[in-house]
Protein backbone atom coordinates (compact mmCIF):
# COMPACT_ATOMS: atom_id res chain seq x y z
CA MET A 1 149.47 130.80 48.54
CA VAL A 2 148.37 127.66 46.74
CA GLU A 3 148.65 125.68 49.95
CA ASN A 4 146.70 128.29 51.89
CA GLY A 5 144.02 128.49 49.23
CA GLY A 6 143.76 124.73 49.16
CA GLY A 7 143.49 124.69 52.91
CA VAL A 8 140.68 127.26 52.83
CA ARG A 9 138.83 125.36 50.14
CA GLY A 10 139.27 122.12 52.04
CA GLY A 11 138.05 123.75 55.26
CA ARG A 12 134.93 125.10 53.57
CA ALA A 13 134.21 121.77 51.94
CA GLY A 14 134.72 120.05 55.26
CA ALA A 15 132.35 122.50 56.93
CA LYS A 16 129.71 121.83 54.27
CA ARG A 17 130.15 118.10 54.70
CA ALA A 18 129.86 118.49 58.47
CA ALA A 19 126.70 120.57 58.10
CA GLY A 20 125.23 118.03 55.73
CA GLY A 21 126.14 115.23 58.12
CA ALA A 22 124.46 117.09 60.98
CA LYS A 23 121.25 117.38 58.97
CA ARG A 24 121.32 113.72 58.02
CA ALA A 25 121.83 112.81 61.66
CA VAL A 26 118.23 113.86 62.42
CA ALA A 27 116.63 110.60 61.37
CA GLY A 28 112.89 110.60 60.87
CA ALA A 29 110.62 108.34 62.89
CA ARG A 30 109.41 105.15 61.25
CA ARG A 31 105.64 105.15 61.38
CA PRO A 32 103.51 102.08 62.04
CA GLU A 33 101.84 100.31 59.14
CA ILE A 34 98.65 98.91 60.60
CA ARG A 35 96.27 96.78 58.58
CA LEU A 36 93.53 95.52 60.82
CA PRO A 37 91.78 92.29 59.82
CA SER A 38 88.02 91.87 59.98
CA LEU A 39 87.26 92.47 63.63
CA VAL A 40 84.81 90.76 65.94
CA ALA A 41 82.80 92.97 68.31
CA TYR A 42 83.77 92.61 71.95
CA GLU A 43 80.61 91.79 73.87
CA ASP A 44 81.89 90.95 77.33
CA GLU A 45 82.10 93.40 80.21
CA GLY A 46 85.34 94.69 81.64
CA LEU A 47 88.67 92.93 81.27
CA GLU A 48 90.58 90.13 82.93
CA PRO A 49 94.11 90.21 84.32
CA ASP A 50 96.54 88.75 81.77
CA GLY A 51 93.67 88.57 79.28
CA ASP A 52 94.37 87.74 75.63
CA TYR A 53 92.40 89.90 73.17
CA ASP A 54 92.99 89.23 69.47
CA GLY A 55 91.16 90.70 66.48
CA LEU A 56 88.49 92.45 68.54
CA CYS A 57 86.68 95.77 68.23
CA PHE A 58 85.92 97.49 71.52
CA GLY A 59 83.31 99.91 70.20
CA GLY A 60 82.11 102.31 72.87
CA THR A 61 82.98 99.79 75.56
CA ASP A 62 82.94 101.14 79.08
CA LEU A 63 86.29 100.07 80.53
CA ALA A 64 86.22 102.49 83.46
CA ASP A 65 87.70 100.78 86.52
CA ALA A 66 88.50 97.71 84.42
CA VAL A 67 91.19 95.45 85.87
CA GLY A 68 93.36 94.01 83.13
CA PRO A 69 97.04 94.24 84.07
CA GLY A 70 99.30 92.21 81.83
CA SER A 71 96.65 91.89 79.12
CA ARG A 72 97.59 91.58 75.44
CA PHE A 73 95.72 93.42 72.69
CA MET A 74 96.72 92.32 69.20
CA ASP A 75 95.05 93.52 65.98
CA CYS A 76 92.44 95.34 68.05
CA GLU A 77 90.54 98.58 67.81
CA LEU A 78 89.45 100.51 70.88
CA ARG A 79 86.97 103.12 69.69
CA ASP A 80 85.25 105.69 71.93
CA CYS A 81 86.06 103.65 75.03
CA ALA A 82 86.01 105.05 78.57
CA LEU A 83 89.29 104.28 80.34
CA ASP A 84 88.83 106.10 83.63
CA ARG A 85 91.04 104.49 86.28
CA ALA A 86 91.47 101.38 84.12
CA GLU A 87 94.30 99.18 85.44
CA LEU A 88 96.37 98.17 82.42
CA GLY A 89 99.84 98.05 83.88
CA ARG A 90 102.25 95.90 81.83
CA ALA A 91 99.59 95.54 79.11
CA ARG A 92 100.76 95.00 75.52
CA PHE A 93 99.19 96.72 72.53
CA ILE A 94 100.39 95.36 69.19
CA ASP A 95 99.19 96.39 65.71
CA SER A 96 96.24 98.19 67.26
CA VAL A 97 94.34 101.47 66.95
CA LEU A 98 92.90 103.51 69.81
CA THR A 99 90.45 106.13 68.54
CA GLY A 100 88.57 108.62 70.70
CA VAL A 101 89.48 106.92 73.95
CA ARG A 102 88.91 109.07 77.02
CA GLY A 103 89.48 108.89 80.73
CA VAL A 104 91.27 110.11 83.82
CA GLY A 105 93.90 108.20 85.75
CA THR A 106 94.42 105.37 83.26
CA GLU A 107 97.15 103.06 84.61
CA LEU A 108 99.56 101.88 81.92
CA ALA A 109 102.81 101.71 83.86
CA GLY A 110 105.30 99.36 82.23
CA ALA A 111 103.03 98.84 79.24
CA SER A 112 104.35 98.03 75.76
CA LEU A 113 102.95 99.71 72.64
CA ARG A 114 104.27 98.53 69.29
CA ASP A 115 102.84 99.58 65.94
CA VAL A 116 100.00 101.55 67.52
CA GLU A 117 97.98 104.60 66.52
CA ILE A 118 96.29 106.76 69.16
CA VAL A 119 93.84 109.17 67.53
CA ASP A 120 91.85 112.00 69.14
CA ALA A 121 92.40 110.77 72.67
CA ARG A 122 91.14 112.78 75.63
CA LEU A 123 93.11 111.63 78.63
CA GLY A 124 94.16 113.10 81.94
CA GLY A 125 96.89 111.80 84.21
CA ALA A 126 97.65 108.74 82.07
CA GLN A 127 100.42 106.75 83.78
CA LEU A 128 102.91 105.36 81.26
CA HIS A 129 106.03 105.54 83.39
CA GLY A 130 108.46 102.80 82.48
CA ALA A 131 106.50 102.01 79.31
CA VAL A 132 108.04 101.07 75.97
CA LEU A 133 106.66 102.77 72.86
CA GLU A 134 107.90 101.63 69.45
CA ARG A 135 106.46 102.85 66.15
CA VAL A 136 103.62 104.79 67.74
CA VAL A 137 101.67 107.77 66.37
CA VAL A 138 99.68 110.03 68.71
CA ARG A 139 97.47 112.16 66.45
CA GLY A 140 95.03 114.86 67.56
CA GLY A 141 93.29 115.10 70.89
CA LYS A 142 94.50 116.40 74.22
CA ILE A 143 96.42 114.63 76.97
CA ASP A 144 96.97 116.34 80.31
CA TYR A 145 99.71 115.36 82.77
CA LEU A 146 101.02 112.47 80.67
CA ASN A 147 103.53 110.54 82.77
CA LEU A 148 106.29 109.03 80.64
CA ARG A 149 109.03 109.04 83.26
CA THR A 150 111.77 106.45 82.56
CA ALA A 151 109.87 105.35 79.45
CA ARG A 152 111.60 104.38 76.20
CA LEU A 153 110.24 105.97 73.05
CA THR A 154 111.55 104.82 69.67
CA ASP A 155 110.04 105.95 66.36
CA VAL A 156 107.23 107.91 67.99
CA VAL A 157 105.32 110.81 66.40
CA PHE A 158 103.18 113.32 68.29
CA GLU A 159 101.09 115.06 65.64
CA GLY A 160 98.47 117.77 65.93
CA CYS A 161 97.86 117.05 69.62
CA VAL A 162 98.01 119.08 72.82
CA LEU A 163 100.26 117.80 75.60
CA ALA A 164 99.76 119.78 78.79
CA GLU A 165 102.53 119.29 81.37
CA PRO A 166 103.90 116.04 79.95
CA ASP A 167 106.61 114.40 82.07
CA PHE A 168 109.50 112.90 80.08
CA GLY A 169 111.78 112.80 83.11
CA GLU A 170 114.61 110.24 82.72
CA ALA A 171 112.96 108.97 79.54
CA ARG A 172 114.95 107.90 76.49
CA LEU A 173 113.73 109.37 73.21
CA THR A 174 115.08 108.03 69.91
CA ARG A 175 113.72 109.23 66.57
CA VAL A 176 110.81 111.11 68.11
CA GLU A 177 108.98 113.82 66.18
CA PHE A 178 106.67 116.54 67.47
CA ARG A 179 104.63 117.95 64.56
CA ASP A 180 102.07 120.75 64.73
CA CYS A 181 101.46 119.95 68.38
CA VAL A 182 101.46 121.98 71.56
CA LEU A 183 103.93 121.23 74.37
CA ARG A 184 103.03 123.14 77.51
CA ARG A 185 105.23 123.06 80.61
CA ALA A 186 107.06 119.96 79.41
CA ASP A 187 109.50 118.28 81.78
CA PHE A 188 112.60 116.76 80.16
CA SER A 189 114.63 116.43 83.36
CA ALA A 190 117.42 113.86 82.97
CA ALA A 191 115.98 112.74 79.62
CA ARG A 192 118.25 111.34 76.90
CA MET A 193 117.58 112.27 73.29
CA GLU A 194 118.73 111.07 69.91
CA SER A 195 117.28 112.45 66.67
CA VAL A 196 114.40 114.25 68.38
CA ASP A 197 112.76 116.78 66.05
CA LEU A 198 111.08 119.75 67.73
CA ARG A 199 111.18 122.14 64.77
CA ALA A 200 107.51 121.76 63.80
CA VAL A 201 106.10 122.24 67.32
CA ALA A 202 103.33 124.85 67.25
CA GLU A 203 103.95 125.92 70.86
CA LEU A 204 107.09 124.91 72.74
CA ASP A 205 107.14 125.55 76.48
CA ILE A 206 109.76 123.67 78.51
CA ALA A 207 109.38 123.93 82.27
CA ARG A 208 112.38 121.79 83.21
CA GLY A 209 115.21 120.01 81.44
CA VAL A 210 116.18 122.55 78.80
CA ASP A 211 119.73 121.40 79.44
CA ARG A 212 118.76 117.92 78.20
CA LEU A 213 118.05 118.98 74.61
CA ALA A 214 121.35 117.60 73.35
CA GLY A 215 120.35 115.22 70.58
CA ALA A 216 117.33 117.32 69.60
CA VAL A 217 116.96 119.75 66.71
CA ILE A 218 115.10 123.06 67.06
CA SER A 219 114.41 125.94 64.69
CA PRO A 220 116.19 129.33 64.80
CA LEU A 221 113.00 130.95 66.12
CA GLN A 222 112.73 128.37 68.88
CA LEU A 223 116.35 129.05 69.78
CA MET A 224 115.53 132.72 70.28
CA GLU A 225 112.45 131.86 72.35
CA LEU A 226 114.45 129.46 74.52
CA ALA A 227 117.42 131.81 74.88
CA PRO A 228 116.36 133.05 78.36
CA ALA A 229 116.07 129.47 79.59
CA PHE A 230 119.48 128.58 78.14
CA ALA A 231 121.00 131.67 79.73
CA ALA A 232 119.47 130.86 83.10
CA GLN A 233 120.76 127.30 82.85
CA ILE A 234 124.38 128.45 82.58
CA GLY A 235 123.94 131.32 85.03
CA VAL A 236 124.07 134.20 82.55
CA ARG A 237 122.21 137.40 83.44
CA VAL A 238 120.71 139.32 80.54
CA GLU A 239 120.14 142.99 81.23
CA ALA A 240 119.41 146.00 79.06
């Protein structure tokens, strides 16, 4: 009896430790700490390929159709800029803030964003496939058809924003948080996740890739809402 009791107590303790370990495994994203220096107003027009932009404020600059692939933006602020069809593939944004940027068809394939804040953006069809995002916060605004296929996201927070039909196909997400935001028709096909927190999503709608949520944490209510998708994934019919 003593042995059995000890075994039961040990099993319960082990279960508690396992549960505690599972909770600790959901590591929070590390947010960027951006301290912009005194900035100089950008007075030129457009951009240059492989341009080097350091300590500049792009205030209301019209960058529609700008051609600046491979450019580097360090300690910069882009405020209320038009980015329609801007070609910024392989661009690098470091210690920078993008506030109120807007545009359709912005090309950022293969870009690198490190220690960046994107605030109140209004974008449609932004192409960030193959991009690398590290310590990035996307706060407020609305982004339609965001293409993050094969991208790598590490320490990224989506907060209070609306993402309509975002494509995370084959992306790798590590320590990514979705807080008070809306995810509509999200595609997680072939994505890989580690410490992805979906519990605080205001609206969670997954169109594809529900089977790729291993490594994510969801709330009990979200589990109930996603139950039909989980059942369909494993071929279970639910009938009254």
